[in-house]
Amino acid sequence: MPTTKTKTLARPGKPKPRKPKPRTPEVWKLRLFVAGQTPKSIRAFANLKVLCEEHLKGRYQIEVIDLLEHPHMARGNQIVALPTLVADLPHPVRQIIGDLSNTDRVLVGLALQKVG
């Protein structure tokens, strides 16, 4: 005797609610290129630290690269002025030149704040 398979049809109605996937916070990888311990370099690091604590708390990593100690890193990272902040992650890569004292400009440059 042949076996027959029956198909159960889904009942129309509400679809099952999907559970939202837990999001892990983005980690911002920031590199600050400086040339020694100049007042402008120190100010840039201090401004960056304050900005990150206010807007990226617990979601950032800062690497300070002194080009006096590692001059070869300037060319590979296309550094033309100092200090320069390079945000590698999240993509796209962004560069901000200066002591980072204009907070609104830095936030717009990092796409943390809309223009206007």
N, C-alpha and C. Protein backbone atom coordinates (compact mmCIF):
# COMPACT_ATOMS: atom_id res chain seq x y z
N MET A 1 0.83 -1.15 0.00
CA MET A 1 0.00 0.00 0.00
C MET A 1 0.89 1.24 0.00
N PRO A 2 0.68 2.17 -0.93
CA PRO A 2 1.53 3.36 -0.99
C PRO A 2 1.22 4.31 0.17
N THR A 3 2.28 4.95 0.64
CA THR A 3 2.08 5.91 1.74
C THR A 3 1.86 7.28 1.14
N THR A 4 1.03 8.02 1.77
CA THR A 4 0.78 9.37 1.30
C THR A 4 1.22 10.35 2.39
N LYS A 5 1.78 11.43 1.94
CA LYS A 5 2.22 12.47 2.88
C LYS A 5 1.23 13.60 2.80
N THR A 6 0.88 14.08 3.94
CA THR A 6 0.00 15.23 3.97
C THR A 6 0.79 16.45 4.41
N LYS A 7 0.45 17.54 3.84
CA LYS A 7 1.13 18.78 4.15
C LYS A 7 0.22 19.61 5.03
N THR A 8 0.79 20.13 6.09
CA THR A 8 0.02 21.00 6.96
C THR A 8 0.19 22.41 6.45
N LEU A 9 -0.89 23.07 6.20
CA LEU A 9 -0.84 24.44 5.72
C LEU A 9 -0.82 25.39 6.91
N ALA A 10 -0.02 26.41 6.76
CA ALA A 10 0.04 27.41 7.82
C ALA A 10 -1.25 28.20 7.85
N ARG A 11 -1.70 28.49 9.04
CA ARG A 11 -2.91 29.27 9.17
C ARG A 11 -2.59 30.74 8.95
N PRO A 12 -3.44 31.41 8.20
CA PRO A 12 -3.21 32.84 8.04
C PRO A 12 -3.44 33.54 9.37
N GLY A 13 -2.72 34.59 9.56
CA GLY A 13 -2.86 35.34 10.80
C GLY A 13 -1.57 36.09 11.08
N LYS A 14 -1.34 36.32 12.33
CA LYS A 14 -0.16 37.07 12.72
C LYS A 14 1.10 36.21 12.56
N PRO A 15 2.12 36.81 11.96
CA PRO A 15 3.39 36.06 11.92
C PRO A 15 4.01 36.04 13.31
N LYS A 16 4.82 35.03 13.55
CA LYS A 16 5.48 34.94 14.85
C LYS A 16 6.44 36.11 15.01
N PRO A 17 6.42 36.75 16.16
CA PRO A 17 7.36 37.86 16.37
C PRO A 17 8.78 37.34 16.43
N ARG A 18 9.67 38.06 15.77
CA ARG A 18 11.07 37.66 15.78
C ARG A 18 11.75 38.27 16.98
N LYS A 19 12.63 37.51 17.55
CA LYS A 19 13.40 38.03 18.66
C LYS A 19 14.52 38.90 18.08
N PRO A 20 14.68 40.11 18.58
CA PRO A 20 15.76 40.94 18.06
C PRO A 20 17.11 40.35 18.45
N LYS A 21 18.02 40.42 17.50
CA LYS A 21 19.36 39.91 17.78
C LYS A 21 20.06 40.89 18.72
N PRO A 22 20.75 40.37 19.72
CA PRO A 22 21.46 41.29 20.60
C PRO A 22 22.59 41.98 19.83
N ARG A 23 22.63 43.31 19.95
CA ARG A 23 23.66 44.07 19.23
C ARG A 23 24.84 44.29 20.14
N THR A 24 26.00 44.00 19.60
CA THR A 24 27.19 44.34 20.35
C THR A 24 27.58 45.75 19.96
N PRO A 25 27.99 46.56 20.90
CA PRO A 25 28.30 47.94 20.57
C PRO A 25 29.50 48.01 19.63
N GLU A 26 29.43 48.97 18.70
CA GLU A 26 30.54 49.17 17.80
C GLU A 26 31.74 49.65 18.61
N VAL A 27 32.90 49.19 18.23
CA VAL A 27 34.12 49.67 18.86
C VAL A 27 34.80 50.60 17.87
N TRP A 28 35.05 51.82 18.31
CA TRP A 28 35.71 52.81 17.47
C TRP A 28 37.21 52.67 17.68
N LYS A 29 37.93 52.41 16.60
CA LYS A 29 39.39 52.31 16.65
C LYS A 29 39.95 53.63 16.14
N LEU A 30 40.54 54.38 17.05
CA LEU A 30 41.03 55.71 16.75
C LEU A 30 42.54 55.75 16.90
N ARG A 31 43.22 56.32 15.91
CA ARG A 31 44.67 56.50 15.98
C ARG A 31 44.97 57.99 15.89
N LEU A 32 45.72 58.48 16.86
CA LEU A 32 46.11 59.87 16.89
C LEU A 32 47.59 59.96 16.56
N PHE A 33 47.90 60.58 15.42
CA PHE A 33 49.28 60.75 14.99
C PHE A 33 49.79 62.08 15.50
N VAL A 34 50.92 62.05 16.20
CA VAL A 34 51.52 63.25 16.78
C VAL A 34 53.01 63.26 16.46
N ALA A 35 53.66 64.39 16.80
CA ALA A 35 55.12 64.49 16.66
C ALA A 35 55.67 64.93 18.01
N GLY A 36 55.89 63.99 18.88
CA GLY A 36 56.41 64.30 20.21
C GLY A 36 55.35 64.83 21.15
N GLN A 37 55.81 65.36 22.27
CA GLN A 37 54.92 65.85 23.32
C GLN A 37 54.75 67.37 23.22
N THR A 38 54.35 67.84 22.06
CA THR A 38 54.14 69.28 21.89
C THR A 38 52.83 69.69 22.57
N PRO A 39 52.68 70.98 22.90
CA PRO A 39 51.42 71.42 23.50
C PRO A 39 50.21 71.08 22.63
N LYS A 40 50.34 71.20 21.32
CA LYS A 40 49.22 70.90 20.42
C LYS A 40 48.88 69.41 20.46
N SER A 41 49.89 68.55 20.51
CA SER A 41 49.66 67.11 20.58
C SER A 41 48.99 66.72 21.89
N ILE A 42 49.46 67.30 22.98
CA ILE A 42 48.89 67.00 24.30
C ILE A 42 47.43 67.48 24.35
N ARG A 43 47.16 68.65 23.80
CA ARG A 43 45.80 69.20 23.77
C ARG A 43 44.90 68.32 22.92
N ALA A 44 45.41 67.84 21.78
CA ALA A 44 44.62 66.98 20.90
C ALA A 44 44.22 65.69 21.62
N PHE A 45 45.17 65.08 22.35
CA PHE A 45 44.86 63.85 23.07
C PHE A 45 43.83 64.12 24.17
N ALA A 46 44.01 65.20 24.91
CA ALA A 46 43.07 65.53 25.99
C ALA A 46 41.67 65.79 25.43
N ASN A 47 41.58 66.54 24.33
CA ASN A 47 40.28 66.81 23.71
C ASN A 47 39.63 65.53 23.21
N LEU A 48 40.44 64.64 22.61
CA LEU A 48 39.91 63.37 22.10
C LEU A 48 39.39 62.51 23.24
N LYS A 49 40.11 62.46 24.33
CA LYS A 49 39.70 61.65 25.48
C LYS A 49 38.36 62.14 26.04
N VAL A 50 38.20 63.44 26.18
CA VAL A 50 36.95 64.01 26.69
C VAL A 50 35.80 63.69 25.72
N LEU A 51 36.04 63.89 24.44
CA LEU A 51 35.02 63.63 23.43
C LEU A 51 34.58 62.17 23.46
N CYS A 52 35.55 61.25 23.55
CA CYS A 52 35.22 59.83 23.57
C CYS A 52 34.44 59.44 24.83
N GLU A 53 34.82 60.00 25.96
CA GLU A 53 34.11 59.69 27.21
C GLU A 53 32.67 60.19 27.17
N GLU A 54 32.44 61.32 26.50
CA GLU A 54 31.09 61.87 26.43
C GLU A 54 30.22 61.17 25.39
N HIS A 55 30.81 60.75 24.27
CA HIS A 55 30.00 60.25 23.15
C HIS A 55 30.21 58.78 22.80
N LEU A 56 31.29 58.18 23.27
CA LEU A 56 31.57 56.78 22.91
C LEU A 56 31.94 55.95 24.14
N LYS A 57 31.46 56.32 25.29
CA LYS A 57 31.88 55.68 26.54
C LYS A 57 31.87 54.16 26.44
N GLY A 58 33.04 53.58 26.69
CA GLY A 58 33.18 52.13 26.67
C GLY A 58 33.22 51.50 25.29
N ARG A 59 33.21 52.33 24.24
CA ARG A 59 33.17 51.78 22.88
C ARG A 59 34.30 52.32 22.02
N TYR A 60 35.44 52.60 22.60
CA TYR A 60 36.52 53.16 21.80
C TYR A 60 37.88 52.66 22.27
N GLN A 61 38.83 52.70 21.34
CA GLN A 61 40.23 52.39 21.62
C GLN A 61 41.06 53.49 20.97
N ILE A 62 41.95 54.09 21.75
CA ILE A 62 42.81 55.14 21.21
C ILE A 62 44.24 54.63 21.18
N GLU A 63 44.87 54.78 20.03
CA GLU A 63 46.29 54.44 19.88
C GLU A 63 46.99 55.74 19.47
N VAL A 64 47.98 56.14 20.25
CA VAL A 64 48.76 57.34 19.94
C VAL A 64 50.04 56.90 19.25
N ILE A 65 50.29 57.44 18.06
CA ILE A 65 51.47 57.08 17.27
C ILE A 65 52.34 58.32 17.13
N ASP A 66 53.53 58.26 17.72
CA ASP A 66 54.48 59.36 17.65
C ASP A 66 55.34 59.16 16.40
N LEU A 67 55.18 60.07 15.45
CA LEU A 67 55.90 59.93 14.18
C LEU A 67 57.39 60.25 14.32
N LEU A 68 57.80 60.84 15.44
CA LEU A 68 59.23 61.01 15.67
C LEU A 68 59.88 59.66 15.95
N GLU A 69 59.13 58.76 16.55
CA GLU A 69 59.62 57.41 16.84
C GLU A 69 59.34 56.43 15.70
N HIS A 70 58.27 56.66 14.95
CA HIS A 70 57.86 55.75 13.86
C HIS A 70 57.56 56.54 12.59
N PRO A 71 58.57 57.18 12.00
CA PRO A 71 58.31 58.05 10.83
C PRO A 71 57.75 57.31 9.62
N HIS A 72 58.05 56.03 9.50
CA HIS A 72 57.57 55.24 8.35
C HIS A 72 56.04 55.13 8.32
N MET A 73 55.40 55.34 9.44
CA MET A 73 53.94 55.20 9.50
C MET A 73 53.20 56.38 8.87
N ALA A 74 53.91 57.48 8.65
CA ALA A 74 53.27 58.67 8.06
C ALA A 74 52.85 58.39 6.62
N ARG A 75 53.74 57.80 5.84
CA ARG A 75 53.44 57.56 4.43
C ARG A 75 52.32 56.54 4.26
N GLY A 76 52.40 55.45 4.95
CA GLY A 76 51.39 54.39 4.81
C GLY A 76 50.00 54.83 5.22
N ASN A 77 49.93 55.81 6.11
CA ASN A 77 48.64 56.29 6.58
C ASN A 77 48.25 57.63 5.98
N GLN A 78 49.05 58.10 5.02
CA GLN A 78 48.80 59.34 4.29
C GLN A 78 48.63 60.53 5.23
N ILE A 79 49.56 60.66 6.17
CA ILE A 79 49.53 61.76 7.14
C ILE A 79 50.32 62.92 6.54
N VAL A 80 49.66 64.07 6.41
CA VAL A 80 50.31 65.25 5.82
C VAL A 80 50.43 66.40 6.81
N ALA A 81 49.72 66.35 7.94
CA ALA A 81 49.78 67.40 8.96
C ALA A 81 49.59 66.74 10.32
N LEU A 82 50.05 67.43 11.36
CA LEU A 82 49.95 66.86 12.70
C LEU A 82 49.36 67.89 13.66
N PRO A 83 48.68 67.46 14.67
CA PRO A 83 48.20 66.10 14.90
C PRO A 83 47.07 65.73 13.94
N THR A 84 46.95 64.45 13.67
CA THR A 84 45.89 63.93 12.81
C THR A 84 45.22 62.76 13.51
N LEU A 85 43.90 62.80 13.55
CA LEU A 85 43.12 61.69 14.09
C LEU A 85 42.62 60.86 12.92
N VAL A 86 42.85 59.55 13.00
CA VAL A 86 42.36 58.63 11.97
C VAL A 86 41.40 57.66 12.66
N ALA A 87 40.17 57.62 12.18
CA ALA A 87 39.17 56.68 12.68
C ALA A 87 39.09 55.53 11.70
N ASP A 88 39.62 54.38 12.10
CA ASP A 88 39.63 53.21 11.22
C ASP A 88 38.30 52.48 11.21
N LEU A 89 37.73 52.29 12.37
CA LEU A 89 36.46 51.59 12.50
C LEU A 89 35.52 52.44 13.30
N PRO A 90 34.27 52.45 13.05
CA PRO A 90 33.61 51.79 11.92
C PRO A 90 33.93 52.48 10.61
N HIS A 91 33.80 51.71 9.54
CA HIS A 91 34.14 52.23 8.21
C HIS A 91 33.14 53.28 7.77
N PRO A 92 33.45 54.18 6.93
CA PRO A 92 34.70 54.38 6.20
C PRO A 92 35.75 55.09 7.06
N VAL A 93 37.00 54.96 6.64
CA VAL A 93 38.10 55.60 7.35
C VAL A 93 37.94 57.11 7.23
N ARG A 94 38.15 57.81 8.35
CA ARG A 94 38.03 59.26 8.37
C ARG A 94 39.28 59.87 8.98
N GLN A 95 39.66 61.06 8.51
CA GLN A 95 40.81 61.78 9.07
C GLN A 95 40.38 63.18 9.48
N ILE A 96 40.85 63.59 10.65
CA ILE A 96 40.58 64.94 11.15
C ILE A 96 41.92 65.52 11.58
N ILE A 97 42.25 66.69 11.06
CA ILE A 97 43.53 67.32 11.35
C ILE A 97 43.32 68.45 12.35
N GLY A 98 44.24 68.57 13.30
CA GLY A 98 44.21 69.67 14.26
C GLY A 98 44.17 69.18 15.69
N ASP A 99 43.98 70.12 16.62
CA ASP A 99 44.01 69.76 18.04
C ASP A 99 42.66 69.28 18.57
N LEU A 100 41.68 69.14 17.70
CA LEU A 100 40.37 68.58 18.03
C LEU A 100 39.60 69.44 19.05
N SER A 101 39.90 70.73 19.08
CA SER A 101 39.24 71.61 20.04
C SER A 101 37.84 72.03 19.61
N ASN A 102 37.54 71.95 18.32
CA ASN A 102 36.20 72.28 17.83
C ASN A 102 35.36 70.99 17.88
N THR A 103 34.70 70.79 19.00
CA THR A 103 33.98 69.54 19.24
C THR A 103 32.92 69.26 18.18
N ASP A 104 32.15 70.26 17.80
CA ASP A 104 31.10 70.04 16.79
C ASP A 104 31.71 69.57 15.48
N ARG A 105 32.81 70.17 15.08
CA ARG A 105 33.47 69.78 13.83
C ARG A 105 33.98 68.34 13.89
N VAL A 106 34.53 67.96 15.04
CA VAL A 106 35.04 66.59 15.21
C VAL A 106 33.88 65.60 15.18
N LEU A 107 32.78 65.92 15.86
CA LEU A 107 31.62 65.02 15.88
C LEU A 107 31.03 64.84 14.48
N VAL A 108 30.97 65.92 13.71
CA VAL A 108 30.49 65.82 12.33
C VAL A 108 31.48 65.00 11.51
N GLY A 109 32.76 65.24 11.70
CA GLY A 109 33.79 64.50 10.96
C GLY A 109 33.76 63.01 11.24
N LEU A 110 33.40 62.64 12.45
CA LEU A 110 33.31 61.22 12.81
C LEU A 110 31.91 60.65 12.57
N ALA A 111 31.02 61.49 12.04
CA ALA A 111 29.63 61.10 11.76
C ALA A 111 28.89 60.72 13.04
N LEU A 112 29.21 61.39 14.13
CA LEU A 112 28.48 61.20 15.39
C LEU A 112 27.41 62.27 15.58
N GLN A 113 27.44 63.27 14.71
CA GLN A 113 26.47 64.36 14.79
C GLN A 113 26.17 64.83 13.37
N LYS A 114 24.92 65.15 13.12
CA LYS A 114 24.53 65.62 11.80
C LYS A 114 24.94 67.07 11.61
N VAL A 115 25.18 67.43 10.36
CA VAL A 115 25.53 68.80 10.02
C VAL A 115 24.30 69.69 10.23
N GLY A 116 24.53 70.85 10.82
CA GLY A 116 23.43 71.80 10.95
C GLY A 116 22.99 72.05 12.28
